[in-house]
Amino acid sequence: MSIDHAAVQKIAWLARLKLAEHDVPEYARQLSGILDLVDQMNRVDTTGIEALAHPLELVLRIREDVVTETDRREAFQAGAPEVAAGLYLVPKVIG
């Protein structure tokens, strides 16, 4: 698939990118190459191939869900300027 000058300009505008005019042909060539690769991958026959969540046959190590650290909220919040009900109070930023 070939991307033309106008398509590159439109993509740049949608992405809110400012491209120099002399860079547009190179971007068009690179984007066309990417779309050609996607087209090539779409033509591969994948019937009978099971989708994988991970390319390697990994087995998860199961461990007990045990608390390993104590609750130190009060120690952490001791240095905070303002705290209420276990929450840090911060100034309102958005009006």
C-alpha atoms as a PDB file:
ATOM      1  CA  MET A   1       0.000   0.000   0.000  1.00  0.00           C
ATOM      2  CA  SER A   2       1.351   3.386  -0.915  1.00  0.00           C
ATOM      3  CA  ILE A   3       0.844   6.452   1.268  1.00  0.00           C
ATOM      4  CA  ASP A   4       0.854   9.762  -0.594  1.00  0.00           C
ATOM      5  CA  HIS A   5       1.859  13.262   0.469  1.00  0.00           C
ATOM      6  CA  ALA A   6      -1.703  14.280   1.413  1.00  0.00           C
ATOM      7  CA  ALA A   7      -2.191  11.170   3.586  1.00  0.00           C
ATOM      8  CA  VAL A   8       1.022  11.875   5.511  1.00  0.00           C
ATOM      9  CA  GLN A   9      -0.084  15.463   6.072  1.00  0.00           C
ATOM     10  CA  LYS A  10      -3.480  14.287   7.338  1.00  0.00           C
ATOM     11  CA  ILE A  11      -1.940  11.695   9.676  1.00  0.00           C
ATOM     12  CA  ALA A  12       0.444  14.334  11.029  1.00  0.00           C
ATOM     13  CA  TRP A  13      -2.443  16.735  11.566  1.00  0.00           C
ATOM     14  CA  LEU A  14      -4.498  14.055  13.382  1.00  0.00           C
ATOM     15  CA  ALA A  15      -1.501  13.240  15.604  1.00  0.00           C
ATOM     16  CA  ARG A  16      -0.919  16.961  16.160  1.00  0.00           C
ATOM     17  CA  LEU A  17       2.601  16.700  14.729  1.00  0.00           C
ATOM     18  CA  LYS A  18       4.292  19.434  12.762  1.00  0.00           C
ATOM     19  CA  LEU A  19       6.330  17.958   9.918  1.00  0.00           C
ATOM     20  CA  ALA A  20       8.856  19.807   7.822  1.00  0.00           C
ATOM     21  CA  GLU A  21       7.896  19.686   4.153  1.00  0.00           C
ATOM     22  CA  HIS A  22      11.198  18.019   3.209  1.00  0.00           C
ATOM     23  CA  ASP A  23      10.515  15.152   5.701  1.00  0.00           C
ATOM     24  CA  VAL A  24       7.147  14.159   4.230  1.00  0.00           C
ATOM     25  CA  PRO A  25       8.513  11.844   1.462  1.00  0.00           C
ATOM     26  CA  GLU A  26      10.567   9.859   3.993  1.00  0.00           C
ATOM     27  CA  TYR A  27       7.574   9.488   6.319  1.00  0.00           C
ATOM     28  CA  ALA A  28       5.449   8.391   3.360  1.00  0.00           C
ATOM     29  CA  ARG A  29       8.053   5.722   2.471  1.00  0.00           C
ATOM     30  CA  GLN A  30       8.260   4.455   6.061  1.00  0.00           C
ATOM     31  CA  LEU A  31       4.489   4.373   6.596  1.00  0.00           C
ATOM     32  CA  SER A  32       4.030   2.563   3.277  1.00  0.00           C
ATOM     33  CA  GLY A  33       6.594  -0.026   4.387  1.00  0.00           C
ATOM     34  CA  ILE A  34       4.762  -0.569   7.679  1.00  0.00           C
ATOM     35  CA  LEU A  35       1.421  -1.028   5.918  1.00  0.00           C
ATOM     36  CA  ASP A  36       3.023  -3.428   3.410  1.00  0.00           C
ATOM     37  CA  LEU A  37       4.346  -5.514   6.314  1.00  0.00           C
ATOM     38  CA  VAL A  38       0.901  -5.568   7.966  1.00  0.00           C
ATOM     39  CA  ASP A  39      -0.637  -6.633   4.647  1.00  0.00           C
ATOM     40  CA  GLN A  40       1.961  -9.404   4.305  1.00  0.00           C
ATOM     41  CA  MET A  41       1.225 -10.628   7.836  1.00  0.00           C
ATOM     42  CA  ASN A  42      -2.526 -10.602   7.154  1.00  0.00           C
ATOM     43  CA  ARG A  43      -1.996 -12.922   4.160  1.00  0.00           C
ATOM     44  CA  VAL A  44      -0.390 -15.645   6.324  1.00  0.00           C
ATOM     45  CA  ASP A  45      -2.656 -18.675   6.732  1.00  0.00           C
ATOM     46  CA  THR A  46      -3.223 -19.114  10.470  1.00  0.00           C
ATOM     47  CA  THR A  47      -6.071 -21.631  10.351  1.00  0.00           C
ATOM     48  CA  GLY A  48      -5.640 -24.319  12.975  1.00  0.00           C
ATOM     49  CA  ILE A  49      -3.137 -22.279  14.997  1.00  0.00           C
ATOM     50  CA  GLU A  50      -4.165 -21.640  18.585  1.00  0.00           C
ATOM     51  CA  ALA A  51      -3.741 -18.124  19.912  1.00  0.00           C
ATOM     52  CA  LEU A  52      -1.185 -17.748  22.695  1.00  0.00           C
ATOM     53  CA  ALA A  53      -1.088 -15.421  25.653  1.00  0.00           C
ATOM     54  CA  HIS A  54       2.702 -15.801  25.723  1.00  0.00           C
ATOM     55  CA  PRO A  55       5.121 -17.277  23.171  1.00  0.00           C
ATOM     56  CA  LEU A  56       6.796 -19.525  25.762  1.00  0.00           C
ATOM     57  CA  GLU A  57       5.275 -22.406  27.689  1.00  0.00           C
ATOM     58  CA  LEU A  58       5.564 -20.817  31.122  1.00  0.00           C
ATOM     59  CA  VAL A  59       4.187 -22.199  34.359  1.00  0.00           C
ATOM     60  CA  LEU A  60       3.339 -19.733  37.090  1.00  0.00           C
ATOM     61  CA  ARG A  61       4.805 -20.385  40.480  1.00  0.00           C
ATOM     62  CA  ILE A  62       1.965 -20.368  42.969  1.00  0.00           C
ATOM     63  CA  ARG A  63       2.693 -18.939  46.397  1.00  0.00           C
ATOM     64  CA  GLU A  64       0.608 -18.289  49.439  1.00  0.00           C
ATOM     65  CA  ASP A  65      -0.970 -14.868  49.733  1.00  0.00           C
ATOM     66  CA  VAL A  66       0.724 -13.857  52.965  1.00  0.00           C
ATOM     67  CA  VAL A  67       1.279 -10.386  54.403  1.00  0.00           C
ATOM     68  CA  THR A  68       5.030  -9.753  54.460  1.00  0.00           C
ATOM     69  CA  GLU A  69       5.102  -6.099  55.561  1.00  0.00           C
ATOM     70  CA  THR A  70       3.403  -4.393  58.453  1.00  0.00           C
ATOM     71  CA  ASP A  71       1.023  -1.452  58.090  1.00  0.00           C
ATOM     72  CA  ARG A  72       3.201   1.677  58.283  1.00  0.00           C
ATOM     73  CA  ARG A  73       0.610   4.219  57.155  1.00  0.00           C
ATOM     74  CA  GLU A  74       0.804   6.253  60.360  1.00  0.00           C
ATOM     75  CA  ALA A  75       4.614   6.452  60.142  1.00  0.00           C
ATOM     76  CA  PHE A  76       4.446   7.557  56.499  1.00  0.00           C
ATOM     77  CA  GLN A  77       1.729  10.115  57.146  1.00  0.00           C
ATOM     78  CA  ALA A  78       3.445  11.571  60.201  1.00  0.00           C
ATOM     79  CA  GLY A  79       5.424  13.954  57.984  1.00  0.00           C
ATOM     80  CA  ALA A  80       2.485  14.978  55.790  1.00  0.00           C
ATOM     81  CA  PRO A  81       1.154  18.535  56.133  1.00  0.00           C
ATOM     82  CA  GLU A  82      -2.506  17.437  56.328  1.00  0.00           C
ATOM     83  CA  VAL A  83      -4.107  14.026  56.827  1.00  0.00           C
ATOM     84  CA  ALA A  84      -7.715  13.017  57.478  1.00  0.00           C
ATOM     85  CA  ALA A  85      -9.146   9.523  57.900  1.00  0.00           C
ATOM     86  CA  GLY A  86      -5.918   7.954  56.641  1.00  0.00           C
ATOM     87  CA  LEU A  87      -5.876  10.060  53.454  1.00  0.00           C
ATOM     88  CA  TYR A  88      -3.427  12.737  52.358  1.00  0.00           C
ATOM     89  CA  LEU A  89      -5.136  16.113  51.936  1.00  0.00           C
ATOM     90  CA  VAL A  90      -3.852  18.241  49.078  1.00  0.00           C
ATOM     91  CA  PRO A  91      -4.859  21.672  47.782  1.00  0.00           C
ATOM     92  CA  LYS A  92      -7.444  21.806  45.042  1.00  0.00           C
ATOM     93  CA  VAL A  93      -5.656  22.233  41.709  1.00  0.00           C
ATOM     94  CA  ILE A  94      -8.480  22.158  39.160  1.00  0.00           C
ATOM     95  CA  GLY A  95     -11.189  24.787  39.552  1.00  0.00           C
END
